[in-house]
């Protein structure tokens, strides 16, 4: 087997080892529980000793049943200790795990050879001496493994992580081979063994106690080595298991003799304690560590979710800033495009008036004045956009809706004529006034009229723009812009108001989104519906102030 040879690094590595039963120091409360448990075992011994020779009924099924329970307990303990060895890679853990596996296997061999358990003299050629010698081998196994564990537990040499599985496999195979060898020896060569029992009764005091004295000596050596070295919870409960084994041997094999008496049955109780105490502590400590791990994992998941939410919030904030920047840029480009286009058109018209043989200064002056007005309107639009995104307090005033419509139509006069679009304006029977930001509401109307013109220039047939104002049933002012263009697909009727959604090849997808935001900021509503026979009707309502 390969071992790590850098012993200088081992103490540092132990600091980072995971907390398991083999390296957790016992708490004061756990120490008191262990001492109370030992005291209880000693009290049971003292209470049983005076009545040790009392005969009790022979129960043939008792030994196989007890053997099954001991086998399961020792196997579980061995598996848990092998798992601890695979984590910590300490050779001492491999030794003690192999000791418990040896106890698990040899208890089955002992039950098979026990007289009366399965056959009168045991199976596979067993004799009267087979079971008792397997009993001594069985009870010598744990003290010997604890001696090895005590001698190796404080060494800095650990197994290489690459060979832990191989080490466990070789240990399991070796233990199996040893138990099979011992079983075959005591069954096939039973005549070579010293005679200890005749007719299931001990032959003499010396022969019945010599094996027990050897086991007690081995247990004493193991206790002497482990006691000053006990530092972990595993050390503490190994001492308890060892003491239970020694008390059993003292009661059932040294202080008393024979089978099926009170001492013999009490000894089986100590066997259960020896087999189960370490297993129970291992399982309890694993449950505690698992619960602690589950709590830590839950806290980790909670903190991870909090961190993820914070990261997502940062991403959303960044995306919102980017989106807002894009929206501001797109809004400015969209809204300022109309005044700029008008300024370009009027400047070209003014230059044509000046380029005549006899310059028409009056007409040119009129165009240049309109250019100035468009410039002021562009500045007002930019200021309105700035106030909208900064949520500044807007300047609102009362104004006439019909005047707003006439001004908007006048700004598109040239475009309407060039595209041969017939304009119909329907006014309310009485003047309608609203309170709001005139520049922003004018931009809404200009956007709707622009969209109507662009929708009609690509279709053949009559082109008609109808703009009207009226008083709704709820007393609000309703403004309608209808066209006979190509219309909007049914699935897009609601999407047209989403930011960056457009059906135009060169559209930005911001116009209608801005219009709805402005109308909603004035506590109004904007919607679209199909026109008949074709086209669209955009309508919005505002709170009225009639005079």
Protein backbone atom coordinates (compact mmCIF):
# COMPACT_ATOMS: atom_id res chain seq x y z
CA UNK A 1 0.00 0.00 0.00
CA UNK A 2 1.18 3.55 -0.81
CA UNK A 3 1.56 6.01 2.02
CA UNK A 4 2.18 9.77 2.03
CA UNK A 5 5.66 10.42 3.36
CA UNK A 6 5.51 14.14 3.94
CA UNK A 7 4.76 13.86 7.63
CA UNK A 8 5.55 17.51 8.19
CA UNK A 9 2.45 18.47 6.27
CA UNK A 10 0.15 16.04 8.08
CA UNK A 11 -0.68 18.20 11.11
CA UNK A 12 -1.66 21.05 8.83
CA UNK A 13 -3.77 18.73 6.74
CA UNK A 14 -5.64 17.48 9.80
CA UNK A 15 -6.73 21.02 10.51
CA UNK A 16 -8.62 21.05 7.22
CA UNK A 17 -10.07 17.55 7.62
CA UNK A 18 -13.87 17.26 7.64
CA UNK A 19 -15.52 16.81 11.00
CA UNK A 20 -16.43 13.16 11.51
CA UNK A 21 -16.75 10.90 14.52
CA UNK A 22 -13.06 9.94 14.36
CA UNK A 23 -11.79 13.49 14.93
CA UNK A 24 -14.59 15.25 16.85
CA UNK A 25 -13.63 15.74 20.51
CA UNK A 26 -16.34 14.66 22.95
CA UNK A 27 -18.25 17.37 24.72
CA UNK A 28 -18.48 17.37 28.54
CA UNK A 29 -22.08 16.18 28.26
CA UNK A 30 -21.07 13.27 26.03
CA UNK A 31 -18.33 12.35 28.49
CA UNK A 32 -20.86 12.23 31.32
CA UNK A 33 -23.15 10.00 29.24
CA UNK A 34 -20.31 7.57 28.54
CA UNK A 35 -19.33 7.37 32.22
CA UNK A 36 -22.95 6.85 33.25
CA UNK A 37 -23.23 4.08 30.66
CA UNK A 38 -20.14 2.34 32.05
CA UNK A 39 -21.48 2.66 35.56
CA UNK A 40 -24.76 1.09 34.49
CA UNK A 41 -22.90 -1.85 32.92
CA UNK A 42 -20.92 -2.36 36.13
CA UNK A 43 -24.10 -2.21 38.24
CA UNK A 44 -25.68 -4.89 36.01
CA UNK A 45 -22.58 -7.07 36.51
CA UNK A 46 -22.70 -6.70 40.28
CA UNK A 47 -26.43 -7.38 40.35
CA UNK A 48 -26.11 -10.48 38.16
CA UNK A 49 -23.03 -12.08 39.73
CA UNK A 50 -24.69 -13.55 42.88
CA UNK A 51 -27.27 -15.31 40.71
CA UNK A 52 -24.96 -16.21 37.84
CA UNK A 53 -25.35 -20.01 38.16
CA UNK A 54 -29.16 -20.04 38.10
CA UNK A 55 -30.31 -22.26 35.24
CA UNK A 56 -32.73 -20.79 32.70
CA UNK A 57 -34.70 -22.46 29.89
CA UNK A 58 -32.76 -23.46 26.81
CA UNK A 59 -34.05 -21.59 23.78
CA UNK A 60 -32.62 -23.14 20.61
CA UNK A 61 -33.52 -20.13 18.44
CA UNK A 62 -31.81 -17.66 20.77
CA UNK A 63 -28.28 -18.10 19.43
CA UNK A 64 -29.18 -17.77 15.69
CA UNK A 65 -31.39 -14.76 16.42
CA UNK A 66 -28.72 -13.07 18.50
CA UNK A 67 -26.08 -13.88 15.88
CA UNK A 68 -28.19 -12.22 13.15
CA UNK A 69 -28.56 -9.06 15.25
CA UNK A 70 -24.84 -8.96 16.08
CA UNK A 71 -23.93 -9.58 12.44
CA UNK A 72 -26.05 -6.68 11.20
CA UNK A 73 -24.80 -4.30 13.91
CA UNK A 74 -21.13 -5.14 13.40
CA UNK A 75 -21.47 -4.93 9.60
CA UNK A 76 -23.06 -1.49 9.82
CA UNK A 77 -20.36 -0.33 12.23
CA UNK A 78 -17.63 -1.69 9.96
CA UNK A 79 -19.14 0.00 6.91
CA UNK A 80 -19.34 3.35 8.72
CA UNK A 81 -15.75 3.04 9.91
CA UNK A 82 -14.53 2.09 6.42
CA UNK A 83 -16.31 5.24 5.17
CA UNK A 84 -14.49 7.31 7.80
CA UNK A 85 -11.19 5.77 6.66
CA UNK A 86 -11.95 6.75 3.04
CA UNK A 87 -12.44 10.35 4.22
CA UNK A 88 -9.58 10.76 6.71
CA UNK A 89 -7.30 8.02 5.27
CA UNK A 90 -5.95 7.16 8.75
CA UNK A 91 -4.65 3.60 9.01
CA UNK A 92 -6.01 3.31 12.55
CA UNK A 93 -9.56 3.56 11.18
CA UNK A 94 -8.88 0.77 8.69
CA UNK A 95 -7.66 -1.47 11.52
CA UNK A 96 -10.69 -0.89 13.78
CA UNK A 97 -13.10 -1.24 10.83
CA UNK A 98 -11.48 -4.59 9.99
CA UNK A 99 -11.86 -5.62 13.64
CA UNK A 100 -15.60 -4.99 13.55
CA UNK A 101 -15.90 -6.81 10.22
CA UNK A 102 -14.05 -9.76 11.79
CA UNK A 103 -16.56 -9.78 14.69
CA UNK A 104 -19.49 -9.65 12.25
CA UNK A 105 -18.26 -12.65 10.25
CA UNK A 106 -17.01 -14.84 13.07
CA UNK A 107 -20.27 -14.49 15.01
CA UNK A 108 -21.95 -16.30 12.10
CA UNK A 109 -19.28 -18.99 12.22
CA UNK A 110 -19.81 -19.30 15.97
CA UNK A 111 -23.59 -19.67 15.54
CA UNK A 112 -23.12 -22.37 12.88
CA UNK A 113 -20.93 -24.42 15.21
CA UNK A 114 -22.90 -23.80 18.41
CA UNK A 115 -24.40 -27.07 19.70
CA UNK A 116 -28.17 -27.09 19.42
CA UNK A 117 -28.45 -23.92 17.33
CA UNK A 118 -28.90 -25.74 14.00
CA UNK A 119 -27.82 -29.31 14.78
CA UNK A 120 -26.99 -31.07 18.07
CA UNK A 121 -23.22 -30.65 17.54
CA UNK A 122 -23.08 -27.86 14.94
CA UNK A 123 -22.87 -27.91 11.14
CA UNK A 124 -20.13 -29.00 8.75
CA UNK A 125 -18.50 -31.47 11.08
CA UNK A 126 -18.36 -29.22 14.13
CA UNK A 127 -17.55 -30.72 17.47
CA UNK A 128 -18.05 -29.74 21.07
CA UNK A 129 -14.84 -27.70 21.05
CA UNK A 130 -15.52 -25.76 17.83
CA UNK A 131 -17.94 -23.16 19.18
CA UNK A 132 -15.95 -22.38 22.33
CA UNK A 133 -12.70 -21.82 20.41
CA UNK A 134 -14.48 -19.60 17.89
CA UNK A 135 -15.87 -17.70 20.89
CA UNK A 136 -12.32 -17.01 22.13
CA UNK A 137 -11.16 -15.97 18.64
CA UNK A 138 -14.22 -13.75 18.35
CA UNK A 139 -13.65 -11.99 21.66
CA UNK A 140 -9.92 -11.63 21.07
CA UNK A 141 -10.49 -9.91 17.71
CA UNK A 142 -11.84 -6.60 18.99
CA UNK A 143 -9.15 -6.07 21.70
CA UNK A 144 -6.41 -6.84 19.16
CA UNK A 145 -7.90 -4.39 16.63
CA UNK A 146 -8.19 -1.71 19.34
CA UNK A 147 -4.53 -2.27 20.23
CA UNK A 148 -3.62 -1.68 16.58
CA UNK A 149 -5.93 1.33 16.46
CA UNK A 150 -4.37 2.88 19.60
CA UNK A 151 -0.83 2.41 18.27
CA UNK A 152 -1.61 3.95 14.87
CA UNK A 153 -4.10 6.71 15.70
CA UNK A 154 -1.56 9.41 16.57
CA UNK A 155 0.82 8.78 13.68
CA UNK A 156 1.05 11.36 10.91
CA UNK A 157 1.25 8.78 8.13
CA UNK A 158 -1.96 8.58 6.14
CA UNK A 159 -2.97 6.49 3.16
CA UNK A 160 -2.70 7.88 -0.32
CA UNK A 161 -6.12 8.95 -1.59
CA UNK A 162 -5.63 6.84 -4.71
CA UNK A 163 -5.32 3.56 -2.80
CA UNK A 164 -8.03 3.87 -0.13
CA UNK A 165 -10.46 1.69 -2.09
CA UNK A 166 -7.78 -0.89 -2.71
CA UNK A 167 -6.82 -0.88 0.98
CA UNK A 168 -10.45 -1.42 2.02
CA UNK A 169 -10.87 -4.21 -0.55
CA UNK A 170 -7.72 -6.00 0.61
CA UNK A 171 -8.78 -5.65 4.25
CA UNK A 172 -12.23 -7.13 3.53
CA UNK A 173 -10.71 -10.01 1.56
CA UNK A 174 -8.14 -10.62 4.29
CA UNK A 175 -10.77 -10.70 7.04
CA UNK A 176 -12.96 -13.07 5.03
CA UNK A 177 -9.99 -15.35 4.45
CA UNK A 178 -9.04 -15.30 8.13
CA UNK A 179 -12.56 -16.15 9.33
CA UNK A 180 -12.97 -18.91 6.75
CA UNK A 181 -9.59 -20.31 7.76
CA UNK A 182 -10.46 -20.31 11.45
CA UNK A 183 -13.86 -21.86 10.75
CA UNK A 184 -12.35 -24.65 8.65
CA UNK A 185 -9.66 -25.27 11.25
CA UNK A 186 -12.05 -25.63 14.23
CA UNK A 187 -14.47 -27.82 12.24
CA UNK A 188 -12.14 -30.08 10.24
CA UNK A 189 -9.32 -30.26 12.80
CA UNK A 190 -11.46 -30.17 15.94
CA UNK A 191 -9.63 -33.23 17.25
CA UNK A 192 -6.41 -31.20 17.47
CA UNK A 193 -7.94 -28.58 19.77
CA UNK A 194 -7.53 -28.82 23.56
CA UNK A 195 -10.70 -30.25 25.12
CA UNK A 196 -12.59 -27.61 27.07
CA UNK A 197 -16.18 -28.94 27.03
CA UNK A 198 -17.65 -32.37 27.45
CA UNK A 199 -21.36 -32.87 26.90
CA UNK A 200 -21.79 -29.04 26.61
CA UNK A 201 -20.34 -28.57 30.11
CA UNK A 202 -16.87 -27.14 30.95
CA UNK A 203 -14.27 -29.77 31.77
CA UNK A 204 -12.33 -27.97 34.53
CA UNK A 205 -11.90 -24.57 36.17
CA UNK A 206 -8.50 -24.01 34.57
CA UNK A 207 -9.64 -24.95 31.10
CA UNK A 208 -12.78 -22.84 31.30
CA UNK A 209 -10.93 -19.73 32.55
CA UNK A 210 -7.68 -19.81 30.56
CA UNK A 211 -9.34 -18.47 27.41
CA UNK A 212 -11.16 -15.80 29.38
CA UNK A 213 -7.96 -14.73 31.11
CA UNK A 214 -6.20 -14.36 27.76
CA UNK A 215 -9.05 -12.19 26.43
CA UNK A 216 -9.06 -10.12 29.63
CA UNK A 217 -5.30 -9.64 29.29
CA UNK A 218 -5.65 -8.49 25.69
CA UNK A 219 -8.51 -6.19 26.68
CA UNK A 220 -6.47 -4.75 29.54
CA UNK A 221 -3.58 -3.98 27.18
CA UNK A 222 -5.99 -2.35 24.70
CA UNK A 223 -7.58 -0.29 27.49
CA UNK A 224 -4.15 0.74 28.82
CA UNK A 225 -3.05 1.92 25.35
CA UNK A 226 -6.26 3.69 24.34
CA UNK A 227 -7.19 5.40 27.59
CA UNK A 228 -4.39 8.02 27.60
CA UNK A 229 -4.78 8.50 23.83
CA UNK A 230 -8.51 9.12 23.78
CA UNK A 231 -9.23 12.44 22.11
CA UNK A 232 -12.20 11.82 19.84
CA UNK A 233 -15.78 10.73 20.29
CA UNK A 234 -14.89 7.44 18.61
CA UNK A 235 -12.11 6.79 21.16
CA UNK A 236 -14.53 7.37 24.02
CA UNK A 237 -17.15 4.91 22.78
CA UNK A 238 -14.59 2.31 21.74
CA UNK A 239 -13.55 2.25 25.41
CA UNK A 240 -17.20 1.71 26.37
CA UNK A 241 -17.52 -1.15 23.85
CA UNK A 242 -14.26 -2.69 25.10
CA UNK A 243 -15.40 -2.47 28.72
CA UNK A 244 -18.70 -4.16 27.80
CA UNK A 245 -16.76 -6.99 26.15
CA UNK A 246 -14.49 -7.42 29.18
CA UNK A 247 -17.45 -7.43 31.56
CA UNK A 248 -19.11 -10.13 29.44
CA UNK A 249 -16.00 -12.32 29.48
CA UNK A 250 -15.56 -11.80 33.21
CA UNK A 251 -19.18 -12.67 33.96
CA UNK A 252 -19.87 -15.49 31.53
CA UNK A 253 -16.47 -17.16 31.24
CA UNK A 254 -14.43 -16.45 34.36
CA UNK A 255 -16.83 -15.82 37.24
CA UNK A 256 -19.34 -18.38 36.00
CA UNK A 257 -19.40 -21.34 33.67
CA UNK A 258 -21.73 -23.36 31.51
CA UNK A 259 -24.46 -22.35 29.12
CA UNK A 260 -28.08 -21.28 29.46
CA UNK A 261 -27.67 -19.90 32.97
CA UNK A 262 -28.27 -16.31 34.07
CA UNK A 263 -24.61 -15.34 33.57
CA UNK A 264 -24.64 -16.77 30.05
CA UNK A 265 -27.79 -14.85 29.05
CA UNK A 266 -26.46 -11.66 30.70
CA UNK A 267 -23.27 -12.09 28.68
CA UNK A 268 -25.34 -12.00 25.48
CA UNK A 269 -26.65 -8.59 26.60
CA UNK A 270 -23.07 -7.33 26.89
CA UNK A 271 -22.41 -8.70 23.40
CA UNK A 272 -25.23 -6.56 22.07
CA UNK A 273 -23.79 -3.52 23.84
CA UNK A 274 -20.35 -4.19 22.37
CA UNK A 275 -21.78 -4.56 18.86
CA UNK A 276 -24.25 -1.68 18.89
CA UNK A 277 -22.86 1.12 21.04
CA UNK A 278 -20.36 2.39 18.49
CA UNK A 279 -22.88 1.92 15.67
CA UNK A 280 -25.53 3.94 17.52
CA UNK A 281 -23.07 6.74 18.28
CA UNK A 282 -21.84 6.75 14.69
CA UNK A 283 -25.37 6.96 13.34
CA UNK A 284 -26.39 9.62 15.87
CA UNK A 285 -23.35 11.74 15.13
CA UNK A 286 -23.87 11.33 11.39
CA UNK A 287 -27.47 12.45 11.83
CA UNK A 288 -26.33 15.50 13.77
CA UNK A 289 -23.66 16.34 11.21
CA UNK A 290 -26.16 15.80 8.39
CA UNK A 291 -28.65 18.11 10.08
CA UNK A 292 -25.91 20.70 10.52
CA UNK A 293 -24.93 20.25 6.89
CA UNK A 294 -28.55 20.58 5.80
CA UNK A 295 -28.90 23.81 7.78
CA UNK A 296 -25.65 25.12 6.34
CA UNK A 297 -26.76 24.13 2.86
CA UNK A 298 -30.11 25.86 3.39
CA UNK A 299 -28.33 29.01 4.57
CA UNK A 300 -25.97 28.75 1.60
CA UNK A 301 -28.88 28.39 -0.79
CA UNK A 302 -30.59 31.37 0.85
CA UNK A 303 -27.46 33.49 0.61
CA UNK A 304 -26.93 32.32 -2.97
CA UNK A 305 -30.47 33.36 -3.86
CA UNK A 306 -29.95 36.71 -2.18
CA UNK A 307 -26.72 37.17 -4.10
CA UNK A 308 -28.41 36.10 -7.32
CA UNK A 309 -31.25 38.54 -6.69
CA UNK A 310 -28.72 41.30 -6.09
CA UNK A 311 -26.87 40.38 -9.28
CA UNK A 312 -30.15 40.25 -11.20
CA UNK A 313 -31.13 43.62 -9.77
CA UNK A 314 -27.81 45.04 -10.91
CA UNK A 315 -28.32 43.55 -14.35
CA UNK A 316 -31.84 44.95 -14.51
CA UNK A 317 -30.60 48.34 -13.38
CA UNK A 318 -27.86 48.27 -15.99
CA UNK A 319 -30.28 47.10 -18.67
CA UNK A 320 -32.75 49.75 -17.56
CA UNK A 321 -30.07 52.42 -17.85
CA UNK A 322 -29.12 51.15 -21.28
CA UNK A 323 -32.78 50.90 -22.25
CA UNK A 324 -33.44 54.38 -20.91
CA UNK A 325 -30.46 55.73 -22.83
CA UNK A 326 -31.67 54.02 -25.98
CA UNK A 327 -35.18 55.29 -25.35
CA UNK A 328 -33.98 58.85 -24.81
CA UNK A 329 -31.88 58.74 -27.97
CA UNK A 330 -34.69 57.16 -29.99
CA UNK A 331 -37.26 59.59 -28.57
CA UNK A 332 -35.15 62.64 -29.38
CA UNK A 333 -34.43 61.35 -32.89
CA UNK A 334 -38.09 60.54 -33.44
CA UNK A 335 -39.58 63.72 -32.04
CA UNK A 336 -37.05 66.17 -33.41
CA UNK A 337 -37.18 64.65 -36.89
CA UNK A 338 -40.45 66.41 -37.72
CA UNK A 339 -39.35 69.97 -36.85
CA UNK A 340 -36.02 69.40 -38.59
CA UNK A 341 -37.73 68.08 -41.72
CA UNK A 342 -40.01 71.12 -41.71
CA UNK A 343 -37.02 73.45 -41.25
CA UNK A 344 -35.20 71.85 -44.19
CA UNK A 345 -38.28 72.09 -46.41
CA UNK A 346 -38.91 75.74 -45.50
CA UNK A 347 -35.26 76.70 -45.92
CA UNK A 348 -35.24 75.19 -49.42
CA UNK A 349 -38.48 77.06 -50.22
CA UNK A 350 -37.01 80.34 -48.90
CA UNK A 351 -33.89 79.88 -51.00
CA UNK A 352 -36.02 79.34 -54.08
CA UNK A 353 -37.81 82.63 -53.37
CA UNK A 354 -34.47 84.36 -53.15
CA UNK A 355 -33.07 82.69 -56.30
CA UNK A 356 -35.72 84.22 -58.56
CA UNK A 357 -34.81 86.95 -61.03
CA UNK A 358 -36.67 89.32 -58.79
CA UNK A 359 -36.27 87.96 -55.29
CA UNK A 360 -39.48 87.63 -53.36
CA UNK A 361 -38.16 88.93 -50.07
CA UNK A 362 -41.57 88.97 -48.43
CA UNK A 363 -42.20 85.31 -49.20
CA UNK A 364 -38.66 84.33 -48.20
CA UNK A 365 -39.07 86.25 -44.94
CA UNK A 366 -42.27 84.32 -44.25
CA UNK A 367 -40.48 80.97 -44.73
CA UNK A 368 -37.57 82.03 -42.56
CA UNK A 369 -39.98 83.05 -39.81
CA UNK A 370 -41.54 79.61 -40.02
CA UNK A 371 -38.05 78.09 -39.75
CA UNK A 372 -37.51 80.07 -36.55
CA UNK A 373 -40.85 78.85 -35.22
CA UNK A 374 -39.89 75.23 -36.07
CA UNK A 375 -36.61 75.73 -34.25
CA UNK A 376 -38.40 76.95 -31.16
CA UNK A 377 -40.76 74.00 -31.44
CA UNK A 378 -37.81 71.56 -31.66
CA UNK A 379 -36.31 73.16 -28.54
CA UNK A 380 -39.64 72.85 -26.75
CA UNK A 381 -39.89 69.18 -27.79
CA UNK A 382 -36.41 68.43 -26.41
CA UNK A 383 -37.22 70.19 -23.16
CA UNK A 384 -40.48 68.26 -22.93
CA UNK A 385 -38.65 64.93 -23.45
CA UNK A 386 -36.10 65.90 -20.82
CA UNK A 387 -38.84 66.71 -18.33
CA UNK A 388 -40.61 63.42 -19.15
CA UNK A 389 -37.58 61.24 -18.43
CA UNK A 390 -36.55 63.21 -15.37
CA UNK A 391 -40.11 63.20 -14.02
CA UNK A 392 -39.92 66.97 -13.58
CA UNK A 393 -42.97 68.97 -12.77
CA UNK A 394 -44.57 69.82 -16.12
CA UNK A 395 -46.01 73.17 -16.99
CA UNK A 396 -49.68 72.63 -17.74
CA UNK A 397 -52.16 75.12 -18.99
CA UNK A 398 -55.63 75.27 -20.44
CA UNK A 399 -55.84 75.35 -24.24
CA UNK A 400 -58.33 74.81 -27.04
CA UNK A 401 -58.22 71.39 -28.64
CA UNK A 402 -59.48 72.55 -32.04
CA UNK A 403 -56.69 75.13 -32.26
CA UNK A 404 -54.22 72.34 -31.52
CA UNK A 405 -55.67 70.28 -34.38
CA UNK A 406 -55.53 73.23 -36.84
CA UNK A 407 -51.89 73.95 -35.99
CA UNK A 408 -50.96 70.29 -36.48
CA UNK A 409 -52.74 70.11 -39.86
CA UNK A 410 -51.02 73.32 -40.97
CA UNK A 411 -47.59 71.82 -40.23
CA UNK A 412 -48.33 68.96 -42.63
CA UNK A 413 -49.89 71.10 -45.35
CA UNK A 414 -47.14 70.52 -47.91
CA UNK A 415 -46.89 66.76 -47.25
CA UNK A 416 -50.66 66.33 -47.51
CA UNK A 417 -50.74 68.13 -50.87
CA UNK A 418 -47.73 66.30 -52.30
CA UNK A 419 -49.27 62.91 -51.46
CA UNK A 420 -52.78 63.94 -52.60
CA UNK A 421 -54.37 63.22 -49.23
CA UNK A 422 -57.81 64.65 -48.57
CA UNK A 423 -58.19 66.13 -45.09
CA UNK A 424 -61.43 66.17 -43.15
CA UNK A 425 -61.58 68.02 -39.86
CA UNK A 426 -64.64 67.63 -37.67
CA UNK A 427 -64.94 70.01 -34.76
CA UNK A 428 -67.14 69.80 -31.73
CA UNK A 429 -70.28 71.90 -31.64
CA UNK A 430 -68.80 73.89 -28.77
CA UNK A 431 -65.23 74.78 -27.89
CA UNK A 432 -63.38 72.09 -25.98
CA UNK A 433 -60.54 72.92 -23.65
CA UNK A 434 -58.22 70.67 -21.73
CA UNK A 435 -55.51 71.28 -19.16
CA UNK A 436 -52.14 69.80 -19.99
CA UNK A 437 -48.73 70.19 -21.52
CA UNK A 438 -49.50 71.70 -24.92
CA UNK A 439 -46.14 70.76 -26.46
CA UNK A 440 -46.42 67.11 -25.43
CA UNK A 441 -50.03 66.75 -26.59
CA UNK A 442 -49.11 68.43 -29.85
CA UNK A 443 -46.37 65.83 -30.30
CA UNK A 444 -48.98 63.08 -29.78
CA UNK A 445 -51.16 64.54 -32.50
CA UNK A 446 -48.22 65.09 -34.86
CA UNK A 447 -47.04 61.47 -34.36
CA UNK A 448 -50.50 60.10 -35.12
CA UNK A 449 -50.87 62.26 -38.24
CA UNK A 450 -47.36 61.30 -39.41
CA UNK A 451 -48.17 57.60 -39.01
CA UNK A 452 -51.44 58.10 -40.92
CA UNK A 453 -49.65 59.82 -43.83
CA UNK A 454 -46.96 57.09 -44.00
CA UNK A 455 -49.64 54.38 -43.93
CA UNK A 456 -51.51 55.90 -46.92
CA UNK A 457 -48.65 56.80 -49.29
CA UNK A 458 -48.00 53.12 -50.08
CA UNK A 459 -51.58 52.22 -51.07
CA UNK A 460 -53.64 52.93 -54.13
CA UNK A 461 -57.14 54.32 -54.01
CA UNK A 462 -58.66 57.18 -52.05
CA UNK A 463 -56.44 58.67 -49.38
CA UNK A 464 -58.35 60.38 -46.64
CA UNK A 465 -57.25 61.74 -43.30
CA UNK A 466 -60.02 62.47 -40.81
CA UNK A 467 -59.23 64.32 -37.61
CA UNK A 468 -62.04 65.09 -35.20
CA UNK A 469 -62.71 66.27 -31.67
CA UNK A 470 -65.78 65.49 -29.62
CA UNK A 471 -67.14 65.14 -26.13
CA UNK A 472 -67.44 61.54 -24.95
CA UNK A 473 -70.34 60.17 -22.93
CA UNK A 474 -68.17 60.44 -19.80
CA UNK A 475 -67.60 64.16 -20.38
CA UNK A 476 -64.02 63.73 -21.56
CA UNK A 477 -62.52 65.22 -24.72
CA UNK A 478 -61.89 62.58 -27.39
CA UNK A 479 -59.58 63.23 -30.34
CA UNK A 480 -59.62 60.84 -33.28
CA UNK A 481 -57.15 60.39 -36.17
CA UNK A 482 -58.42 58.05 -38.93
CA UNK A 483 -56.71 57.03 -42.15
CA UNK A 484 -57.42 54.81 -45.14
CA UNK A 485 -53.98 53.24 -45.24
CA UNK A 486 -52.93 49.60 -45.13
CA UNK A 487 -54.12 49.16 -41.55
CA UNK A 488 -52.66 47.10 -38.69
CA UNK A 489 -52.78 43.30 -38.37
CA UNK A 490 -55.12 42.04 -35.67
CA UNK A 491 -52.30 40.38 -33.72
CA UNK A 492 -50.38 43.67 -33.63
CA UNK A 493 -53.15 45.96 -32.42
CA UNK A 494 -51.84 45.93 -28.85
CA UNK A 495 -48.17 45.39 -29.61
CA UNK A 496 -47.90 48.63 -31.60
CA UNK A 497 -47.72 50.50 -28.26
CA UNK A 498 -44.77 48.41 -26.98
CA UNK A 499 -41.38 50.15 -26.93
CA UNK A 500 -39.13 49.32 -29.91
CA UNK A 501 -41.93 47.45 -31.73
CA UNK A 502 -42.45 48.63 -35.29
CA UNK A 503 -43.92 47.42 -38.56
CA UNK A 504 -41.96 49.97 -40.61
CA UNK A 505 -38.73 49.10 -42.33
CA UNK A 506 -37.09 52.29 -41.00
CA UNK A 507 -39.17 52.72 -37.88
CA UNK A 508 -37.71 53.03 -34.39
CA UNK A 509 -40.73 51.66 -32.55
CA UNK A 510 -40.84 54.57 -30.09
CA UNK A 511 -43.52 56.92 -31.47
CA UNK A 512 -46.69 55.19 -30.27
CA UNK A 513 -45.03 54.13 -27.00
CA UNK A 514 -44.19 57.78 -26.31
CA UNK A 515 -47.70 58.85 -27.30
CA UNK A 516 -49.31 56.42 -24.87
CA UNK A 517 -46.93 57.48 -22.07
CA UNK A 518 -47.80 61.15 -22.63
CA UNK A 519 -51.55 60.49 -22.73
CA UNK A 520 -51.38 58.32 -19.62
CA UNK A 521 -49.37 61.04 -17.86
CA UNK A 522 -52.39 63.29 -18.55
CA UNK A 523 -54.71 60.68 -16.98
CA UNK A 524 -56.02 59.75 -20.40
CA UNK A 525 -56.20 56.67 -22.64
CA UNK A 526 -54.93 55.91 -26.14
CA UNK A 527 -56.09 52.98 -28.27
CA UNK A 528 -56.38 51.84 -31.87
CA UNK A 529 -59.11 50.08 -33.82
CA UNK A 530 -59.57 49.05 -37.46
CA UNK A 531 -61.17 51.52 -39.91
CA UNK A 532 -63.69 50.53 -42.56
CA UNK A 533 -63.17 49.58 -45.31
CA UNK A 534 -59.44 49.81 -44.53
CA UNK A 535 -56.99 51.70 -42.40
CA UNK A 536 -56.82 52.47 -38.70
CA UNK A 537 -58.39 54.80 -36.18
CA UNK A 538 -56.30 56.10 -33.29
CA UNK A 539 -58.28 57.72 -30.50
CA UNK A 540 -57.35 59.23 -27.17
CA UNK A 541 -59.34 60.91 -24.43
CA UNK A 542 -58.36 63.68 -22.03
CA UNK A 543 -60.10 65.24 -19.08
CA UNK A 544 -62.16 68.15 -20.41
CA UNK A 545 -62.34 71.72 -19.24
CA UNK A 546 -65.25 73.13 -21.23
CA UNK A 547 -66.13 76.78 -21.50
